[in-house]
N, C-alpha and C. Protein backbone atom coordinates (compact mmCIF):
# COMPACT_ATOMS: atom_id res chain seq x y z
N MET A 1 110.02 100.09 84.46
CA MET A 1 109.81 98.94 83.61
C MET A 1 110.29 99.31 82.21
N ASP A 2 111.00 98.39 81.54
CA ASP A 2 111.48 98.75 80.21
C ASP A 2 110.32 98.78 79.23
N HIS A 3 110.55 99.48 78.12
CA HIS A 3 109.48 99.76 77.15
C HIS A 3 108.87 98.48 76.59
N ASP A 4 109.72 97.48 76.28
CA ASP A 4 109.22 96.22 75.71
C ASP A 4 108.29 95.51 76.69
N LEU A 5 108.69 95.44 77.98
CA LEU A 5 107.84 94.78 78.98
C LEU A 5 106.56 95.58 79.20
N ASP A 6 106.67 96.90 79.18
CA ASP A 6 105.49 97.75 79.34
C ASP A 6 104.50 97.48 78.21
N GLY A 7 104.99 97.34 77.00
CA GLY A 7 104.13 97.04 75.86
C GLY A 7 103.48 95.67 75.99
N ARG A 8 104.25 94.70 76.47
CA ARG A 8 103.69 93.35 76.66
C ARG A 8 102.57 93.35 77.70
N LEU A 9 102.77 94.13 78.77
CA LEU A 9 101.75 94.21 79.81
C LEU A 9 100.48 94.86 79.26
N LYS A 10 100.65 95.94 78.51
CA LYS A 10 99.49 96.62 77.91
C LYS A 10 98.76 95.69 76.94
N ASP A 11 99.53 94.93 76.17
CA ASP A 11 98.91 93.98 75.23
C ASP A 11 98.10 92.93 75.99
N ALA A 12 98.66 92.40 77.08
CA ALA A 12 97.95 91.38 77.86
C ALA A 12 96.66 91.93 78.43
N GLN A 13 96.72 93.16 78.93
CA GLN A 13 95.51 93.76 79.49
C GLN A 13 94.49 94.06 78.39
N SER A 14 94.94 94.55 77.25
CA SER A 14 94.02 94.85 76.14
C SER A 14 93.31 93.60 75.66
N LEU A 15 94.05 92.50 75.57
CA LEU A 15 93.43 91.24 75.16
C LEU A 15 92.35 90.83 76.16
N ALA A 16 92.64 90.96 77.45
CA ALA A 16 91.65 90.61 78.47
C ALA A 16 90.46 91.55 78.39
N ASP A 17 90.72 92.84 78.23
CA ASP A 17 89.63 93.81 78.13
C ASP A 17 88.73 93.51 76.94
N GLY A 18 89.32 92.94 75.87
CA GLY A 18 88.55 92.59 74.68
C GLY A 18 87.89 91.23 74.76
N GLY A 19 88.05 90.54 75.88
CA GLY A 19 87.42 89.24 76.06
C GLY A 19 88.22 88.09 75.48
N HIS A 20 89.45 88.32 75.08
CA HIS A 20 90.31 87.28 74.51
C HIS A 20 91.17 86.70 75.63
N TYR A 21 90.53 85.92 76.49
CA TYR A 21 91.18 85.50 77.72
C TYR A 21 92.30 84.49 77.51
N ALA A 22 92.15 83.58 76.57
CA ALA A 22 93.21 82.60 76.32
C ALA A 22 94.47 83.31 75.82
N GLU A 23 94.28 84.25 74.88
CA GLU A 23 95.42 85.00 74.36
C GLU A 23 96.02 85.89 75.45
N SER A 24 95.17 86.45 76.29
CA SER A 24 95.65 87.28 77.39
C SER A 24 96.48 86.45 78.36
N ALA A 25 96.01 85.26 78.66
CA ALA A 25 96.76 84.37 79.57
C ALA A 25 98.13 84.06 79.00
N GLU A 26 98.21 83.81 77.70
CA GLU A 26 99.50 83.55 77.06
C GLU A 26 100.41 84.78 77.15
N ALA A 27 99.82 85.95 76.94
CA ALA A 27 100.62 87.19 77.00
C ALA A 27 101.13 87.44 78.42
N PHE A 28 100.28 87.19 79.42
CA PHE A 28 100.74 87.34 80.81
C PHE A 28 101.83 86.33 81.12
N GLU A 29 101.65 85.10 80.66
CA GLU A 29 102.66 84.07 80.90
C GLU A 29 104.00 84.49 80.30
N ALA A 30 103.99 85.01 79.07
CA ALA A 30 105.22 85.47 78.43
C ALA A 30 105.83 86.63 79.21
N PHE A 31 104.99 87.52 79.70
CA PHE A 31 105.48 88.66 80.49
C PHE A 31 106.18 88.17 81.75
N PHE A 32 105.53 87.27 82.48
CA PHE A 32 106.07 86.81 83.76
C PHE A 32 107.33 85.95 83.59
N LYS A 33 107.56 85.40 82.40
CA LYS A 33 108.83 84.69 82.16
C LYS A 33 110.00 85.67 82.23
N HIS A 34 109.76 86.91 81.82
CA HIS A 34 110.82 87.92 81.82
C HIS A 34 110.90 88.69 83.13
N ASP A 35 109.79 88.80 83.83
CA ASP A 35 109.76 89.60 85.07
C ASP A 35 108.74 88.99 86.02
N PRO A 36 109.10 87.87 86.68
CA PRO A 36 108.13 87.09 87.45
C PRO A 36 107.54 87.78 88.68
N ALA A 37 108.17 88.79 89.22
CA ALA A 37 107.67 89.40 90.46
C ALA A 37 107.25 90.84 90.25
N ASN A 38 106.90 91.22 89.03
CA ASN A 38 106.55 92.60 88.74
C ASN A 38 105.22 92.95 89.41
N SER A 39 105.27 93.87 90.38
CA SER A 39 104.07 94.19 91.16
C SER A 39 103.00 94.85 90.30
N GLU A 40 103.39 95.66 89.35
CA GLU A 40 102.39 96.29 88.47
C GLU A 40 101.65 95.24 87.65
N ALA A 41 102.38 94.29 87.12
CA ALA A 41 101.76 93.23 86.32
C ALA A 41 100.85 92.35 87.18
N LEU A 42 101.29 92.06 88.40
CA LEU A 42 100.45 91.27 89.30
C LEU A 42 99.15 92.02 89.60
N THR A 43 99.24 93.33 89.76
CA THR A 43 98.04 94.14 90.02
C THR A 43 97.11 94.14 88.82
N VAL A 44 97.67 94.28 87.62
CA VAL A 44 96.85 94.26 86.40
C VAL A 44 96.17 92.90 86.25
N LEU A 45 96.93 91.83 86.46
CA LEU A 45 96.35 90.49 86.35
C LEU A 45 95.27 90.28 87.42
N ALA A 46 95.48 90.84 88.60
CA ALA A 46 94.45 90.74 89.65
C ALA A 46 93.16 91.40 89.20
N GLY A 47 93.27 92.53 88.52
CA GLY A 47 92.07 93.19 87.98
C GLY A 47 91.35 92.32 86.97
N VAL A 48 92.10 91.65 86.13
CA VAL A 48 91.51 90.73 85.15
C VAL A 48 90.80 89.59 85.86
N MET A 49 91.46 89.02 86.87
CA MET A 49 90.84 87.91 87.61
C MET A 49 89.57 88.36 88.31
N SER A 50 89.59 89.55 88.85
CA SER A 50 88.39 90.09 89.49
C SER A 50 87.26 90.25 88.47
N ASP A 51 87.61 90.78 87.30
CA ASP A 51 86.61 90.96 86.23
C ASP A 51 86.03 89.62 85.78
N LEU A 52 86.82 88.57 85.90
CA LEU A 52 86.36 87.24 85.52
C LEU A 52 85.57 86.55 86.62
N GLY A 53 85.36 87.26 87.73
CA GLY A 53 84.60 86.68 88.83
C GLY A 53 85.41 85.74 89.69
N GLN A 54 86.70 85.96 89.77
CA GLN A 54 87.57 85.12 90.58
C GLN A 54 88.26 85.99 91.64
N PRO A 55 87.48 86.49 92.62
CA PRO A 55 88.05 87.42 93.59
C PRO A 55 89.13 86.82 94.48
N GLU A 56 89.04 85.53 94.79
CA GLU A 56 90.08 84.91 95.62
C GLU A 56 91.42 84.86 94.89
N ALA A 57 91.38 84.57 93.59
CA ALA A 57 92.62 84.59 92.80
C ALA A 57 93.16 86.01 92.71
N ALA A 58 92.25 86.97 92.57
CA ALA A 58 92.67 88.38 92.53
C ALA A 58 93.33 88.78 93.84
N LEU A 59 92.74 88.35 94.95
CA LEU A 59 93.33 88.65 96.26
C LEU A 59 94.73 88.05 96.40
N ALA A 60 94.90 86.83 95.96
CA ALA A 60 96.21 86.19 96.06
C ALA A 60 97.25 86.95 95.24
N LEU A 61 96.87 87.37 94.05
CA LEU A 61 97.80 88.13 93.21
C LEU A 61 98.13 89.48 93.83
N LEU A 62 97.12 90.15 94.36
CA LEU A 62 97.37 91.44 95.01
C LEU A 62 98.27 91.27 96.23
N ALA A 63 98.04 90.22 96.99
CA ALA A 63 98.89 89.97 98.16
C ALA A 63 100.34 89.76 97.72
N ASP A 64 100.53 89.06 96.61
CA ASP A 64 101.88 88.83 96.10
C ASP A 64 102.54 90.13 95.64
N SER A 65 101.73 91.12 95.27
CA SER A 65 102.29 92.36 94.73
C SER A 65 102.68 93.36 95.82
N VAL A 66 102.35 93.09 97.07
CA VAL A 66 102.64 94.03 98.15
C VAL A 66 104.12 93.96 98.52
N ASP A 67 104.75 95.12 98.52
CA ASP A 67 106.13 95.24 99.01
C ASP A 67 106.04 95.40 100.52
N GLU A 68 106.42 94.37 101.24
CA GLU A 68 106.25 94.39 102.71
C GLU A 68 107.05 95.50 103.37
N ALA A 69 108.19 95.86 102.80
CA ALA A 69 109.02 96.90 103.41
C ALA A 69 108.41 98.29 103.21
N ALA A 70 107.77 98.51 102.07
CA ALA A 70 107.17 99.81 101.78
C ALA A 70 105.89 99.58 100.98
N PRO A 71 104.81 99.17 101.65
CA PRO A 71 103.57 98.85 100.91
C PRO A 71 103.00 100.07 100.22
N ASN A 72 102.53 99.87 99.02
CA ASN A 72 101.91 100.92 98.23
C ASN A 72 100.47 101.08 98.73
N PRO A 73 100.09 102.28 99.19
CA PRO A 73 98.73 102.46 99.71
C PRO A 73 97.64 102.12 98.69
N ALA A 74 97.89 102.41 97.42
CA ALA A 74 96.89 102.08 96.40
C ALA A 74 96.66 100.58 96.31
N THR A 75 97.72 99.80 96.45
CA THR A 75 97.59 98.35 96.44
C THR A 75 96.83 97.87 97.67
N LEU A 76 97.12 98.48 98.82
CA LEU A 76 96.41 98.11 100.04
C LEU A 76 94.91 98.39 99.89
N VAL A 77 94.56 99.51 99.25
CA VAL A 77 93.14 99.83 99.04
C VAL A 77 92.53 98.84 98.07
N ARG A 78 93.26 98.44 97.02
CA ARG A 78 92.73 97.43 96.09
C ARG A 78 92.44 96.12 96.83
N ILE A 79 93.33 95.74 97.71
CA ILE A 79 93.10 94.52 98.48
C ILE A 79 91.87 94.70 99.37
N ALA A 80 91.76 95.85 100.01
CA ALA A 80 90.58 96.13 100.85
C ALA A 80 89.31 96.05 100.03
N ASN A 81 89.34 96.57 98.81
CA ASN A 81 88.16 96.52 97.94
C ASN A 81 87.78 95.08 97.61
N GLN A 82 88.79 94.26 97.29
CA GLN A 82 88.53 92.86 96.96
C GLN A 82 87.97 92.12 98.18
N LEU A 83 88.55 92.38 99.34
CA LEU A 83 88.05 91.74 100.56
C LEU A 83 86.61 92.15 100.85
N GLU A 84 86.32 93.42 100.67
CA GLU A 84 84.96 93.89 100.89
C GLU A 84 84.00 93.23 99.92
N GLU A 85 84.44 93.06 98.68
CA GLU A 85 83.61 92.44 97.65
C GLU A 85 83.20 91.02 98.01
N VAL A 86 84.08 90.31 98.72
CA VAL A 86 83.75 88.93 99.10
C VAL A 86 83.24 88.83 100.53
N GLY A 87 82.93 89.98 101.14
CA GLY A 87 82.30 89.98 102.45
C GLY A 87 83.25 89.84 103.63
N ARG A 88 84.53 90.00 103.40
CA ARG A 88 85.51 89.90 104.48
C ARG A 88 85.80 91.31 105.02
N LEU A 89 84.79 91.85 105.70
CA LEU A 89 84.81 93.26 106.08
C LEU A 89 85.87 93.60 107.13
N GLY A 90 86.10 92.72 108.07
CA GLY A 90 87.12 92.98 109.08
C GLY A 90 88.51 93.08 108.47
N GLU A 91 88.82 92.16 107.59
CA GLU A 91 90.12 92.20 106.92
C GLU A 91 90.23 93.42 106.01
N SER A 92 89.12 93.76 105.35
CA SER A 92 89.09 94.95 104.51
C SER A 92 89.42 96.19 105.33
N ALA A 93 88.81 96.30 106.50
CA ALA A 93 89.07 97.45 107.38
C ALA A 93 90.53 97.48 107.81
N ASP A 94 91.12 96.32 108.05
CA ASP A 94 92.53 96.26 108.44
C ASP A 94 93.43 96.84 107.33
N PHE A 95 93.15 96.47 106.10
CA PHE A 95 93.95 96.98 104.98
C PHE A 95 93.71 98.47 104.77
N LEU A 96 92.47 98.91 104.95
CA LEU A 96 92.20 100.35 104.86
C LEU A 96 92.97 101.11 105.93
N LEU A 97 93.01 100.55 107.12
CA LEU A 97 93.74 101.17 108.22
C LEU A 97 95.23 101.28 107.88
N CYS A 98 95.80 100.22 107.34
CA CYS A 98 97.21 100.25 106.93
C CYS A 98 97.46 101.30 105.86
N ALA A 99 96.56 101.38 104.87
CA ALA A 99 96.71 102.38 103.80
C ALA A 99 96.61 103.78 104.37
N THR A 100 95.69 103.99 105.31
CA THR A 100 95.52 105.31 105.93
C THR A 100 96.77 105.71 106.70
N LEU A 101 97.38 104.78 107.37
CA LEU A 101 98.61 105.08 108.11
C LEU A 101 99.75 105.44 107.16
N GLN A 102 99.73 104.89 105.95
CA GLN A 102 100.75 105.22 104.95
C GLN A 102 100.53 106.61 104.34
N THR A 103 99.26 107.04 104.29
CA THR A 103 98.91 108.33 103.67
C THR A 103 97.98 109.10 104.60
N PRO A 104 98.51 109.60 105.72
CA PRO A 104 97.66 110.25 106.72
C PRO A 104 96.96 111.53 106.24
N ASP A 105 97.44 112.13 105.16
CA ASP A 105 96.81 113.36 104.67
C ASP A 105 95.67 113.10 103.68
N ASP A 106 95.39 111.85 103.35
CA ASP A 106 94.31 111.50 102.43
C ASP A 106 93.00 111.45 103.23
N THR A 107 92.29 112.57 103.24
CA THR A 107 91.08 112.65 104.06
C THR A 107 89.97 111.73 103.57
N GLY A 108 89.86 111.53 102.28
CA GLY A 108 88.85 110.61 101.76
C GLY A 108 89.07 109.19 102.25
N LEU A 109 90.32 108.77 102.21
CA LEU A 109 90.66 107.43 102.71
C LEU A 109 90.44 107.35 104.21
N ARG A 110 90.79 108.41 104.92
CA ARG A 110 90.59 108.43 106.38
C ARG A 110 89.10 108.27 106.71
N PHE A 111 88.23 109.01 106.01
CA PHE A 111 86.79 108.91 106.27
C PHE A 111 86.27 107.51 105.94
N ARG A 112 86.74 106.95 104.83
CA ARG A 112 86.31 105.60 104.47
C ARG A 112 86.75 104.59 105.53
N THR A 113 87.99 104.73 106.00
CA THR A 113 88.51 103.83 107.02
C THR A 113 87.71 103.95 108.31
N GLU A 114 87.45 105.19 108.72
CA GLU A 114 86.66 105.39 109.95
C GLU A 114 85.26 104.81 109.80
N ALA A 115 84.65 104.96 108.63
CA ALA A 115 83.32 104.39 108.41
C ALA A 115 83.35 102.87 108.49
N ALA A 116 84.39 102.27 107.90
CA ALA A 116 84.52 100.81 107.96
C ALA A 116 84.70 100.34 109.40
N LEU A 117 85.56 101.04 110.14
CA LEU A 117 85.78 100.68 111.54
C LEU A 117 84.51 100.86 112.36
N LYS A 118 83.77 101.93 112.09
CA LYS A 118 82.52 102.18 112.82
C LYS A 118 81.51 101.07 112.55
N SER A 119 81.41 100.62 111.31
CA SER A 119 80.45 99.56 110.97
C SER A 119 80.79 98.25 111.68
N LEU A 120 82.04 98.11 112.08
CA LEU A 120 82.49 96.91 112.79
C LEU A 120 82.57 97.12 114.30
N ALA A 121 82.10 98.27 114.76
CA ALA A 121 82.12 98.63 116.19
C ALA A 121 83.53 98.63 116.76
N ARG A 122 84.48 99.10 115.97
CA ARG A 122 85.87 99.21 116.42
C ARG A 122 86.15 100.66 116.86
N HIS A 123 85.41 101.08 117.84
CA HIS A 123 85.47 102.47 118.29
C HIS A 123 86.83 102.85 118.88
N ASP A 124 87.49 101.92 119.56
CA ASP A 124 88.81 102.20 120.11
C ASP A 124 89.82 102.48 118.99
N GLN A 125 89.68 101.76 117.88
CA GLN A 125 90.60 101.99 116.76
C GLN A 125 90.31 103.33 116.08
N ILE A 126 89.05 103.72 116.01
CA ILE A 126 88.71 105.03 115.45
C ILE A 126 89.34 106.13 116.30
N GLU A 127 89.18 106.02 117.62
CA GLU A 127 89.76 107.03 118.52
C GLU A 127 91.28 107.06 118.38
N TRP A 128 91.90 105.90 118.28
CA TRP A 128 93.35 105.82 118.11
C TRP A 128 93.78 106.53 116.83
N LEU A 129 93.06 106.26 115.74
CA LEU A 129 93.36 106.87 114.46
C LEU A 129 93.18 108.38 114.53
N GLN A 130 92.09 108.82 115.13
CA GLN A 130 91.81 110.25 115.23
C GLN A 130 92.81 110.98 116.13
N SER A 131 93.42 110.25 117.05
CA SER A 131 94.39 110.88 117.95
C SER A 131 95.79 110.95 117.32
N GLY A 132 95.91 110.49 116.10
CA GLY A 132 97.20 110.54 115.44
C GLY A 132 97.98 109.24 115.49
N GLY A 133 97.36 108.19 115.97
CA GLY A 133 98.00 106.88 115.99
C GLY A 133 99.13 106.76 116.98
N GLU A 134 98.99 107.42 118.10
CA GLU A 134 100.03 107.35 119.14
C GLU A 134 99.89 106.05 119.93
N GLY A 135 101.01 105.43 120.21
CA GLY A 135 100.98 104.19 121.00
C GLY A 135 100.57 103.01 120.15
N ASP A 136 100.27 101.91 120.82
CA ASP A 136 99.89 100.68 120.12
C ASP A 136 98.46 100.76 119.62
N LEU A 137 98.24 100.20 118.44
CA LEU A 137 96.90 100.10 117.87
C LEU A 137 96.07 99.16 118.74
N PRO A 138 94.91 99.62 119.21
CA PRO A 138 94.06 98.72 119.99
C PRO A 138 93.57 97.55 119.14
N LEU A 139 93.52 96.39 119.74
CA LEU A 139 93.01 95.21 119.04
C LEU A 139 91.51 95.35 118.84
N PRO A 140 91.00 94.77 117.75
CA PRO A 140 89.55 94.79 117.55
C PRO A 140 88.86 93.99 118.64
N PRO A 141 87.61 94.34 118.96
CA PRO A 141 86.89 93.56 119.98
C PRO A 141 86.72 92.12 119.48
N GLU A 142 86.78 91.20 120.42
CA GLU A 142 86.60 89.79 120.06
C GLU A 142 85.14 89.54 119.74
N LYS A 143 84.96 88.65 118.77
CA LYS A 143 83.60 88.27 118.39
C LYS A 143 83.04 87.33 119.44
N THR A 144 81.76 87.50 119.71
CA THR A 144 81.08 86.57 120.61
C THR A 144 80.15 85.72 119.76
N SER A 145 80.15 84.45 120.02
CA SER A 145 79.34 83.53 119.20
C SER A 145 77.92 83.49 119.65
């Protein structure tokens, strides 16, 4: 990111951190006029929206920031955190699983993913993950009403 845009992004976040939301919104708007698909800026704005108590807006922004060809594991974990915050635990576990597959050596993330899967009784997926992810990922058990 060029220095000028980086400064604009920091200014927008600082304004939000200081509670100056109208000014922050203007700064983000000016930033996005120059770089409308900047994933870092979308992630920062998602954090602001989350802080404002708008987790669904934060989720939408985070989803927009994901590079489908090469998803950033940190972004996937942020999405998982937002989903968990709004009680969407199954979807949160799915994103944790994707992040774990991107960073198989991250033992902390692996343990968190396994705990999330265990809480959802997705034992087949835990075994698959522990076996190194060979073959197709087992589907989660269907919910019974």
